[in-house]
């Protein structure tokens, strides 16, 4: 992962390493995403950054993908690997964990459930 030369970067994954995400497997998710990037030789195309809390603790584990502006919730190790595969091979979002996406100039919410209530 070369942070000194970001030319060629197509996707930037911000992986929440705040308290709630870390209690829900954030470290394992971070490592799985980075291992999958390396396994698929996607180091030039996909860059990762660990962040502190992104303020979506109820959605732990959270991953944000830019420049697309897609926010993912409840990410597991397997979903992290699937996200990387999708980004490296097709560049498309992973719809199964998508909570918000930036479209038509604004943030759009995917339907989701919090504490048993649809939002």
N, C-alpha and C. Protein backbone atom coordinates (compact mmCIF):
# COMPACT_ATOMS: atom_id res chain seq x y z
N UNK A 1 0.85 -1.17 0.00
CA UNK A 1 0.00 0.00 0.00
C UNK A 1 0.90 1.23 0.00
N UNK A 2 0.97 1.89 -1.12
CA UNK A 2 1.86 3.03 -1.27
C UNK A 2 1.11 4.34 -1.05
N UNK A 3 1.30 4.96 0.10
CA UNK A 3 0.58 6.20 0.38
C UNK A 3 1.30 7.42 -0.17
N UNK A 4 2.54 7.27 -0.57
CA UNK A 4 3.28 8.42 -1.07
C UNK A 4 2.96 8.74 -2.53
N UNK A 5 2.36 7.84 -3.25
CA UNK A 5 1.97 8.08 -4.64
C UNK A 5 0.57 7.51 -4.86
N UNK A 6 -0.42 8.36 -4.83
CA UNK A 6 -1.81 7.91 -4.94
C UNK A 6 -2.33 7.96 -6.38
N UNK A 7 -1.46 8.25 -7.34
CA UNK A 7 -1.91 8.22 -8.73
C UNK A 7 -2.40 6.81 -9.06
N UNK A 8 -3.52 6.72 -9.73
CA UNK A 8 -4.10 5.43 -10.05
C UNK A 8 -5.15 4.98 -9.06
N UNK A 9 -5.25 5.68 -7.92
CA UNK A 9 -6.26 5.33 -6.93
C UNK A 9 -7.65 5.62 -7.47
N UNK A 10 -8.52 4.63 -7.42
CA UNK A 10 -9.89 4.78 -7.90
C UNK A 10 -10.89 4.79 -6.76
N UNK A 11 -10.54 4.14 -5.65
CA UNK A 11 -11.44 4.04 -4.51
C UNK A 11 -10.65 4.24 -3.22
N UNK A 12 -11.24 5.01 -2.31
CA UNK A 12 -10.63 5.24 -1.01
C UNK A 12 -11.61 4.73 0.04
N UNK A 13 -11.22 3.68 0.75
CA UNK A 13 -12.05 3.09 1.79
C UNK A 13 -11.65 3.65 3.14
N UNK A 14 -12.62 4.28 3.82
CA UNK A 14 -12.44 4.79 5.16
C UNK A 14 -13.07 3.77 6.10
N UNK A 15 -12.24 3.09 6.87
CA UNK A 15 -12.71 2.00 7.73
C UNK A 15 -12.77 2.51 9.16
N UNK A 16 -13.98 2.53 9.72
CA UNK A 16 -14.15 3.03 11.07
C UNK A 16 -13.46 2.11 12.07
N UNK A 17 -12.62 2.72 12.89
CA UNK A 17 -11.97 2.01 13.98
C UNK A 17 -12.32 2.68 15.31
N UNK A 18 -13.54 3.24 15.36
CA UNK A 18 -14.06 3.80 16.61
C UNK A 18 -14.46 2.68 17.56
N UNK A 19 -14.85 3.04 18.75
CA UNK A 19 -15.14 2.06 19.80
C UNK A 19 -16.17 1.01 19.43
N UNK A 20 -17.34 1.42 18.94
CA UNK A 20 -18.40 0.45 18.61
C UNK A 20 -17.97 -0.47 17.48
N UNK A 21 -17.32 0.09 16.48
CA UNK A 21 -16.88 -0.75 15.36
C UNK A 21 -15.81 -1.73 15.82
N UNK A 22 -14.90 -1.27 16.66
CA UNK A 22 -13.85 -2.17 17.14
C UNK A 22 -14.44 -3.29 17.99
N UNK A 23 -15.48 -3.00 18.76
CA UNK A 23 -16.13 -4.05 19.56
C UNK A 23 -16.91 -5.03 18.68
N UNK A 24 -17.20 -4.63 17.45
CA UNK A 24 -17.96 -5.47 16.53
C UNK A 24 -17.11 -6.04 15.40
N UNK A 25 -15.81 -6.14 15.60
CA UNK A 25 -14.94 -6.78 14.62
C UNK A 25 -14.23 -5.84 13.68
N UNK A 26 -14.08 -4.58 14.05
CA UNK A 26 -13.44 -3.59 13.18
C UNK A 26 -12.01 -3.91 12.83
N UNK A 27 -11.25 -4.44 13.77
CA UNK A 27 -9.85 -4.78 13.48
C UNK A 27 -9.79 -5.92 12.47
N UNK A 28 -10.60 -6.94 12.68
CA UNK A 28 -10.62 -8.08 11.74
C UNK A 28 -11.09 -7.63 10.36
N UNK A 29 -12.08 -6.73 10.32
CA UNK A 29 -12.57 -6.20 9.05
C UNK A 29 -11.48 -5.42 8.34
N UNK A 30 -10.78 -4.56 9.07
CA UNK A 30 -9.68 -3.78 8.48
C UNK A 30 -8.64 -4.70 7.87
N UNK A 31 -8.23 -5.72 8.61
CA UNK A 31 -7.21 -6.64 8.11
C UNK A 31 -7.71 -7.43 6.90
N UNK A 32 -8.96 -7.88 6.94
CA UNK A 32 -9.52 -8.64 5.81
C UNK A 32 -9.58 -7.79 4.55
N UNK A 33 -9.99 -6.54 4.67
CA UNK A 33 -10.05 -5.65 3.51
C UNK A 33 -8.65 -5.46 2.93
N UNK A 34 -7.69 -5.19 3.79
CA UNK A 34 -6.32 -4.96 3.31
C UNK A 34 -5.71 -6.23 2.72
N UNK A 35 -5.99 -7.37 3.31
CA UNK A 35 -5.48 -8.63 2.76
C UNK A 35 -6.10 -8.91 1.39
N UNK A 36 -7.39 -8.62 1.23
CA UNK A 36 -8.07 -8.86 -0.05
C UNK A 36 -7.53 -7.93 -1.13
N UNK A 37 -7.26 -6.69 -0.77
CA UNK A 37 -6.67 -5.75 -1.73
C UNK A 37 -5.34 -6.30 -2.23
N UNK A 38 -4.51 -6.77 -1.30
CA UNK A 38 -3.21 -7.33 -1.67
C UNK A 38 -3.38 -8.60 -2.50
N UNK A 39 -4.29 -9.48 -2.08
CA UNK A 39 -4.51 -10.75 -2.80
C UNK A 39 -4.94 -10.50 -4.25
N UNK A 40 -5.75 -9.48 -4.46
CA UNK A 40 -6.25 -9.17 -5.81
C UNK A 40 -5.35 -8.19 -6.56
N UNK A 41 -4.20 -7.88 -5.96
CA UNK A 41 -3.25 -6.94 -6.55
C UNK A 41 -3.93 -5.61 -6.87
N UNK A 42 -4.74 -5.15 -5.92
CA UNK A 42 -5.49 -3.91 -6.08
C UNK A 42 -4.88 -2.74 -5.34
N UNK A 43 -3.61 -2.85 -4.93
CA UNK A 43 -2.97 -1.80 -4.13
C UNK A 43 -2.95 -0.44 -4.81
N UNK A 44 -2.83 -0.41 -6.12
CA UNK A 44 -2.82 0.87 -6.82
C UNK A 44 -4.22 1.46 -6.88
N UNK A 45 -5.24 0.63 -7.07
CA UNK A 45 -6.61 1.11 -7.28
C UNK A 45 -7.38 1.41 -6.01
N UNK A 46 -7.07 0.71 -4.91
CA UNK A 46 -7.86 0.87 -3.68
C UNK A 46 -6.92 1.24 -2.53
N UNK A 47 -7.21 2.38 -1.91
CA UNK A 47 -6.44 2.84 -0.76
C UNK A 47 -7.33 2.78 0.47
N UNK A 48 -6.76 2.46 1.62
CA UNK A 48 -7.54 2.40 2.86
C UNK A 48 -6.99 3.36 3.89
N UNK A 49 -7.89 3.84 4.73
CA UNK A 49 -7.51 4.67 5.87
C UNK A 49 -8.36 4.25 7.06
N UNK A 50 -7.71 4.01 8.20
CA UNK A 50 -8.43 3.78 9.45
C UNK A 50 -8.89 5.14 9.94
N UNK A 51 -10.14 5.21 10.39
CA UNK A 51 -10.63 6.46 10.96
C UNK A 51 -11.02 6.24 12.41
N UNK A 52 -11.23 7.32 13.10
CA UNK A 52 -11.86 7.25 14.42
C UNK A 52 -13.35 7.14 14.17
N UNK A 53 -14.17 7.37 15.16
CA UNK A 53 -15.62 7.20 15.04
C UNK A 53 -16.20 8.06 13.93
N UNK A 54 -17.05 7.46 13.11
CA UNK A 54 -17.75 8.17 12.04
C UNK A 54 -19.17 8.56 12.44
N UNK A 55 -19.53 8.34 13.70
CA UNK A 55 -20.81 8.80 14.22
C UNK A 55 -22.00 7.93 13.86
N UNK A 56 -21.78 6.73 13.40
CA UNK A 56 -22.86 5.81 13.03
C UNK A 56 -22.73 4.52 13.84
N UNK A 57 -22.58 4.66 15.14
CA UNK A 57 -22.31 3.51 16.01
C UNK A 57 -23.36 2.42 15.89
N UNK A 58 -24.61 2.78 15.65
CA UNK A 58 -25.67 1.77 15.51
C UNK A 58 -25.47 0.94 14.23
N UNK A 59 -24.63 1.42 13.33
CA UNK A 59 -24.38 0.72 12.06
C UNK A 59 -23.08 -0.08 12.06
N UNK A 60 -22.41 -0.21 13.20
CA UNK A 60 -21.10 -0.86 13.26
C UNK A 60 -21.13 -2.24 12.61
N UNK A 61 -20.14 -2.53 11.85
CA UNK A 61 -18.94 -1.84 11.43
C UNK A 61 -19.23 -1.00 10.17
N UNK A 62 -18.67 0.20 10.14
CA UNK A 62 -18.92 1.15 9.07
C UNK A 62 -17.70 1.26 8.16
N UNK A 63 -17.96 1.24 6.85
CA UNK A 63 -16.94 1.50 5.84
C UNK A 63 -17.53 2.52 4.88
N UNK A 64 -16.73 3.53 4.53
CA UNK A 64 -17.16 4.56 3.60
C UNK A 64 -16.24 4.50 2.39
N UNK A 65 -16.84 4.55 1.20
CA UNK A 65 -16.07 4.46 -0.04
C UNK A 65 -16.19 5.76 -0.83
N UNK A 66 -15.06 6.38 -1.05
CA UNK A 66 -15.01 7.59 -1.88
C UNK A 66 -14.13 7.32 -3.07
N UNK A 67 -14.37 8.00 -4.20
CA UNK A 67 -15.16 9.21 -4.37
C UNK A 67 -16.66 8.96 -4.55
N UNK A 68 -17.10 7.72 -4.55
CA UNK A 68 -18.51 7.42 -4.78
C UNK A 68 -19.43 8.00 -3.71
N UNK A 69 -18.96 8.05 -2.47
CA UNK A 69 -19.77 8.54 -1.37
C UNK A 69 -20.70 7.49 -0.81
N UNK A 70 -20.35 6.22 -0.96
CA UNK A 70 -21.18 5.13 -0.45
C UNK A 70 -20.79 4.78 0.98
N UNK A 71 -21.80 4.67 1.85
CA UNK A 71 -21.61 4.29 3.25
C UNK A 71 -22.17 2.88 3.43
N UNK A 72 -21.39 2.03 4.08
CA UNK A 72 -21.79 0.65 4.33
C UNK A 72 -21.93 0.44 5.83
N UNK A 73 -22.92 -0.37 6.21
CA UNK A 73 -23.19 -0.64 7.63
C UNK A 73 -23.11 -2.14 7.89
N UNK A 74 -22.87 -2.47 9.15
CA UNK A 74 -22.88 -3.87 9.57
C UNK A 74 -21.93 -4.74 8.79
N UNK A 75 -20.81 -4.17 8.37
CA UNK A 75 -19.87 -4.92 7.54
C UNK A 75 -19.20 -6.04 8.33
N UNK A 76 -19.15 -7.19 7.70
CA UNK A 76 -18.46 -8.35 8.26
C UNK A 76 -17.16 -8.55 7.49
N UNK A 77 -16.33 -9.44 7.97
CA UNK A 77 -15.09 -9.77 7.28
C UNK A 77 -15.39 -10.22 5.85
N UNK A 78 -16.36 -11.11 5.68
CA UNK A 78 -16.69 -11.61 4.34
C UNK A 78 -17.22 -10.49 3.44
N UNK A 79 -18.07 -9.63 3.98
CA UNK A 79 -18.60 -8.51 3.18
C UNK A 79 -17.48 -7.53 2.81
N UNK A 80 -16.52 -7.35 3.70
CA UNK A 80 -15.37 -6.51 3.38
C UNK A 80 -14.60 -7.05 2.20
N UNK A 81 -14.40 -8.37 2.20
CA UNK A 81 -13.71 -9.01 1.07
C UNK A 81 -14.53 -8.87 -0.22
N UNK A 82 -15.85 -9.06 -0.10
CA UNK A 82 -16.73 -8.93 -1.27
C UNK A 82 -16.72 -7.50 -1.81
N UNK A 83 -16.69 -6.52 -0.92
CA UNK A 83 -16.63 -5.13 -1.36
C UNK A 83 -15.36 -4.88 -2.17
N UNK A 84 -14.24 -5.35 -1.67
CA UNK A 84 -12.97 -5.17 -2.39
C UNK A 84 -13.03 -5.87 -3.74
N UNK A 85 -13.53 -7.10 -3.77
CA UNK A 85 -13.64 -7.83 -5.05
C UNK A 85 -14.47 -7.03 -6.05
N UNK A 86 -15.59 -6.51 -5.58
CA UNK A 86 -16.47 -5.74 -6.45
C UNK A 86 -15.78 -4.48 -6.96
N UNK A 87 -15.11 -3.76 -6.08
CA UNK A 87 -14.44 -2.53 -6.49
C UNK A 87 -13.31 -2.80 -7.48
N UNK A 88 -12.53 -3.84 -7.22
CA UNK A 88 -11.38 -4.15 -8.08
C UNK A 88 -11.83 -4.69 -9.43
N UNK A 89 -12.87 -5.52 -9.45
CA UNK A 89 -13.26 -6.17 -10.70
C UNK A 89 -14.27 -5.35 -11.52
N UNK A 90 -15.27 -4.75 -10.87
CA UNK A 90 -16.31 -4.04 -11.63
C UNK A 90 -16.44 -2.58 -11.26
N UNK A 91 -15.93 -2.19 -10.09
CA UNK A 91 -16.06 -0.81 -9.64
C UNK A 91 -17.44 -0.50 -9.09
N UNK A 92 -18.29 -1.52 -8.95
CA UNK A 92 -19.66 -1.31 -8.50
C UNK A 92 -19.77 -1.46 -6.98
N UNK A 93 -20.76 -0.77 -6.38
CA UNK A 93 -20.95 -0.90 -4.93
C UNK A 93 -21.46 -2.27 -4.53
N UNK A 94 -21.30 -2.59 -3.27
CA UNK A 94 -21.83 -3.82 -2.70
C UNK A 94 -23.19 -3.49 -2.12
N UNK A 95 -24.25 -3.88 -2.77
CA UNK A 95 -25.59 -3.45 -2.39
C UNK A 95 -26.08 -4.06 -1.08
N UNK A 96 -25.56 -5.20 -0.68
CA UNK A 96 -26.10 -5.88 0.51
C UNK A 96 -25.91 -5.10 1.80
N UNK A 97 -24.90 -4.27 1.93
CA UNK A 97 -24.63 -3.55 3.17
C UNK A 97 -24.71 -2.04 3.00
N UNK A 98 -25.17 -1.59 1.88
CA UNK A 98 -25.22 -0.16 1.58
C UNK A 98 -26.26 0.53 2.44
N UNK A 99 -25.86 1.59 3.14
CA UNK A 99 -26.83 2.34 3.94
C UNK A 99 -27.10 3.71 3.36
N UNK A 100 -26.10 4.34 2.78
CA UNK A 100 -26.26 5.64 2.13
C UNK A 100 -25.41 5.65 0.87
N UNK A 101 -25.90 6.37 -0.13
CA UNK A 101 -25.09 6.56 -1.32
C UNK A 101 -25.31 7.96 -1.85
N UNK A 102 -24.26 8.53 -2.39
CA UNK A 102 -24.33 9.86 -2.94
C UNK A 102 -24.78 9.73 -4.39
N UNK A 103 -25.93 10.34 -4.71
CA UNK A 103 -26.47 10.25 -6.06
C UNK A 103 -27.19 11.55 -6.40
N UNK A 104 -27.04 11.98 -7.63
CA UNK A 104 -27.71 13.18 -8.12
C UNK A 104 -27.44 14.38 -7.21
N UNK A 105 -26.22 14.48 -6.73
CA UNK A 105 -25.83 15.63 -5.94
C UNK A 105 -26.25 15.64 -4.49
N UNK A 106 -26.81 14.54 -3.99
CA UNK A 106 -27.20 14.50 -2.58
C UNK A 106 -27.07 13.09 -2.02
N UNK A 107 -27.01 13.02 -0.70
CA UNK A 107 -26.92 11.73 -0.02
C UNK A 107 -28.30 11.10 0.05
N UNK A 108 -28.40 9.87 -0.42
CA UNK A 108 -29.67 9.13 -0.42
C UNK A 108 -29.54 7.96 0.55
N UNK A 109 -30.58 7.74 1.34
CA UNK A 109 -30.58 6.64 2.30
C UNK A 109 -31.23 5.42 1.68
N UNK A 110 -30.60 4.28 1.87
CA UNK A 110 -31.20 3.01 1.53
C UNK A 110 -32.14 2.69 2.69
N UNK A 111 -33.20 1.95 2.44
CA UNK A 111 -34.08 1.59 3.55
C UNK A 111 -33.32 0.67 4.50
N UNK A 112 -33.43 0.98 5.77
CA UNK A 112 -32.75 0.15 6.75
C UNK A 112 -33.56 0.10 8.04
N UNK A 113 -33.18 -0.79 8.94
CA UNK A 113 -33.92 -0.99 10.18
C UNK A 113 -33.01 -0.72 11.36
N UNK A 114 -33.53 0.06 12.32
CA UNK A 114 -32.82 0.30 13.57
C UNK A 114 -33.78 -0.07 14.70
N UNK A 115 -33.30 -0.93 15.58
CA UNK A 115 -34.09 -1.37 16.73
C UNK A 115 -35.47 -1.86 16.31
N UNK A 116 -35.52 -2.59 15.20
CA UNK A 116 -36.76 -3.21 14.75
C UNK A 116 -37.69 -2.28 13.99
N UNK A 117 -37.30 -1.03 13.78
CA UNK A 117 -38.16 -0.08 13.07
C UNK A 117 -37.52 0.31 11.74
N UNK A 118 -38.31 0.22 10.67
CA UNK A 118 -37.80 0.63 9.35
C UNK A 118 -37.64 2.12 9.33
N UNK A 119 -36.57 2.58 8.73
CA UNK A 119 -36.27 4.01 8.61
C UNK A 119 -36.27 4.41 7.16
